[in-house]
């Protein structure tokens, strides 16, 4: 049976909760990624959150905040959906679909980052087009709009 560790991208670059949003954006640009695991300490590598390129746009840029003065802790998602390296691949894909996330940090038995599975990994590494299509469909399913959030003209 395939495990999350079989599909994950190993040793992803991480940032600290105290890093600036600007620093996180530069790391994303340099590494060509859309998500950074956030760790409390670079030596320990225990995941405390994630920050995405969308987080930076929505919570920093769109709110007129200064990227150099905004810390990652203020815009990250704390306690993100994560899987363990020895979880079955089916469990990892189910977690992505259930929580509608395109990327899931993979951690060891004490919560240290060891990899990431992204929707792109699923598309590139699985051989079954039906499975790929189903996973992408479930992850990308639109969230119903709450009536108070509807745009009216």
Protein backbone atom coordinates (compact mmCIF):
# COMPACT_ATOMS: atom_id res chain seq x y z
CA UNK A 1 0.00 0.00 0.00
CA UNK A 2 1.31 3.44 -0.94
CA UNK A 3 1.95 5.94 1.84
CA UNK A 4 2.10 9.72 1.95
CA UNK A 5 5.89 9.51 2.02
CA UNK A 6 5.79 7.80 -1.40
CA UNK A 7 4.19 10.83 -3.07
CA UNK A 8 5.42 13.78 -1.02
CA UNK A 9 8.03 16.32 -1.99
CA UNK A 10 10.70 15.89 0.67
CA UNK A 11 12.31 18.55 2.88
CA UNK A 12 10.25 21.60 1.95
CA UNK A 13 11.54 25.07 2.73
CA UNK A 14 9.89 26.52 5.86
CA UNK A 15 9.51 29.90 7.47
CA UNK A 16 9.17 31.06 11.05
CA UNK A 17 6.07 32.65 12.57
CA UNK A 18 8.25 35.70 13.34
CA UNK A 19 9.42 36.13 9.72
CA UNK A 20 8.01 39.06 7.79
CA UNK A 21 5.37 38.54 5.13
CA UNK A 22 7.90 40.01 2.71
CA UNK A 23 10.45 37.32 3.62
CA UNK A 24 7.82 34.58 3.19
CA UNK A 25 6.90 35.95 -0.24
CA UNK A 26 10.56 36.01 -1.28
CA UNK A 27 10.98 32.37 -0.17
CA UNK A 28 7.90 31.40 -2.19
CA UNK A 29 9.23 33.19 -5.24
CA UNK A 30 12.69 31.65 -4.93
CA UNK A 31 11.39 28.12 -4.32
CA UNK A 32 8.48 28.48 -6.78
CA UNK A 33 5.91 27.30 -4.22
CA UNK A 34 2.54 28.57 -3.08
CA UNK A 35 2.66 27.31 0.51
CA UNK A 36 5.24 27.41 3.27
CA UNK A 37 5.00 25.34 6.41
CA UNK A 38 5.46 27.61 9.42
CA UNK A 39 7.68 26.21 12.15
CA UNK A 40 8.33 27.58 15.62
CA UNK A 41 12.05 26.89 15.34
CA UNK A 42 14.21 26.02 12.29
CA UNK A 43 16.15 23.41 14.30
CA UNK A 44 13.11 21.61 15.72
CA UNK A 45 10.92 21.92 12.56
CA UNK A 46 7.58 21.25 14.31
CA UNK A 47 4.77 22.63 12.17
CA UNK A 48 2.58 25.25 13.87
CA UNK A 49 0.88 26.60 10.75
CA UNK A 50 1.01 27.26 7.04
CA UNK A 51 1.08 30.43 4.99
CA UNK A 52 0.02 30.56 1.36
CA UNK A 53 0.52 33.02 -1.44
CA UNK A 54 -3.23 33.69 -1.16
CA UNK A 55 -2.84 34.50 2.56
CA UNK A 56 -0.25 37.11 1.67
CA UNK A 57 -2.44 38.67 -1.00
CA UNK A 58 -5.70 38.66 0.96
CA UNK A 59 -4.42 39.47 4.45
CA UNK A 60 -1.48 41.72 3.63
CA UNK A 61 -1.71 43.32 0.19
CA UNK A 62 -5.52 43.67 -0.03
CA UNK A 63 -5.64 45.12 3.49
CA UNK A 64 -2.96 47.70 2.74
CA UNK A 65 -0.56 46.25 5.30
CA UNK A 66 3.17 46.70 4.92
CA UNK A 67 4.77 43.33 4.06
CA UNK A 68 8.00 44.24 5.88
CA UNK A 69 6.07 45.10 9.06
CA UNK A 70 3.61 42.18 9.05
CA UNK A 71 4.73 38.92 10.62
CA UNK A 72 3.73 35.52 9.30
CA UNK A 73 1.98 34.67 12.60
CA UNK A 74 -0.58 37.39 11.82
CA UNK A 75 -1.62 35.91 8.46
CA UNK A 76 -0.92 32.16 8.68
CA UNK A 77 -3.39 29.35 9.25
CA UNK A 78 -2.61 27.81 12.62
CA UNK A 79 -3.11 24.09 13.22
CA UNK A 80 -3.36 23.18 9.53
CA UNK A 81 -4.57 19.90 8.11
CA UNK A 82 -1.57 17.57 8.17
CA UNK A 83 -0.85 13.92 7.51
CA UNK A 84 1.84 11.60 8.79
CA UNK A 85 4.49 10.18 6.50
CA UNK A 86 3.30 6.63 7.20
CA UNK A 87 -0.41 7.42 6.62
CA UNK A 88 -1.79 5.66 3.57
CA UNK A 89 -1.90 7.72 0.40
CA UNK A 90 -5.67 7.22 0.44
CA UNK A 91 -5.82 8.90 3.88
CA UNK A 92 -3.77 11.83 2.58
CA UNK A 93 -5.94 12.28 -0.49
CA UNK A 94 -9.10 11.95 1.61
CA UNK A 95 -7.84 14.68 3.98
CA UNK A 96 -7.17 16.99 1.02
CA UNK A 97 -10.65 16.35 -0.37
CA UNK A 98 -12.46 16.61 2.97
CA UNK A 99 -10.83 19.91 3.89
CA UNK A 100 -10.60 21.16 0.28
CA UNK A 101 -6.92 22.00 0.50
CA UNK A 102 -4.52 21.73 -2.41
CA UNK A 103 -1.44 21.13 -0.26
CA UNK A 104 -0.92 19.12 2.91
CA UNK A 105 2.21 19.19 5.08
CA UNK A 106 3.51 15.73 5.91
CA UNK A 107 4.97 15.31 9.39
CA UNK A 108 6.81 12.65 11.34
CA UNK A 109 5.53 11.05 14.55
CA UNK A 110 6.38 14.16 16.64
CA UNK A 111 5.05 16.77 14.20
CA UNK A 112 8.26 17.75 12.40
CA UNK A 113 7.92 18.61 8.74
CA UNK A 114 9.25 15.96 6.36
CA UNK A 115 7.40 16.79 3.16
CA UNK A 116 4.37 18.18 1.38
CA UNK A 117 1.82 16.63 -0.91
CA UNK A 118 0.35 19.05 -3.42
CA UNK A 119 -2.48 18.60 -5.88
CA UNK A 120 0.17 18.79 -8.61
CA UNK A 121 1.97 15.78 -7.08
CA UNK A 122 -1.24 13.79 -7.38
CA UNK A 123 -1.61 14.72 -11.04
CA UNK A 124 2.04 14.02 -11.85
CA UNK A 125 2.60 10.76 -9.98
CA UNK A 126 -0.59 8.76 -9.97
CA UNK A 127 -1.18 6.51 -12.95
CA UNK A 128 -4.95 6.26 -12.69
CA UNK A 129 -6.66 9.12 -14.55
CA UNK A 130 -9.98 8.36 -12.83
CA UNK A 131 -8.42 8.70 -9.37
CA UNK A 132 -6.63 11.91 -10.38
CA UNK A 133 -9.84 13.39 -11.75
CA UNK A 134 -11.83 12.42 -8.65
CA UNK A 135 -9.25 13.86 -6.23
CA UNK A 136 -8.95 17.13 -8.14
CA UNK A 137 -12.75 17.40 -8.39
CA UNK A 138 -13.22 16.89 -4.63
CA UNK A 139 -10.44 19.31 -3.69
CA UNK A 140 -11.75 21.97 -6.07
CA UNK A 141 -15.45 21.64 -5.23
CA UNK A 142 -16.83 25.17 -4.79
CA UNK A 143 -17.82 26.17 -1.30
CA UNK A 144 -21.44 27.36 -1.09
CA UNK A 145 -21.70 31.11 -0.68
CA UNK A 146 -23.39 32.21 2.51
CA UNK A 147 -26.31 34.55 1.68
CA UNK A 148 -24.69 37.38 3.65
CA UNK A 149 -21.60 37.09 1.44
CA UNK A 150 -23.43 37.22 -1.90
CA UNK A 151 -22.53 40.04 -4.25
CA UNK A 152 -25.51 42.05 -5.32
CA UNK A 153 -25.69 44.84 -7.81
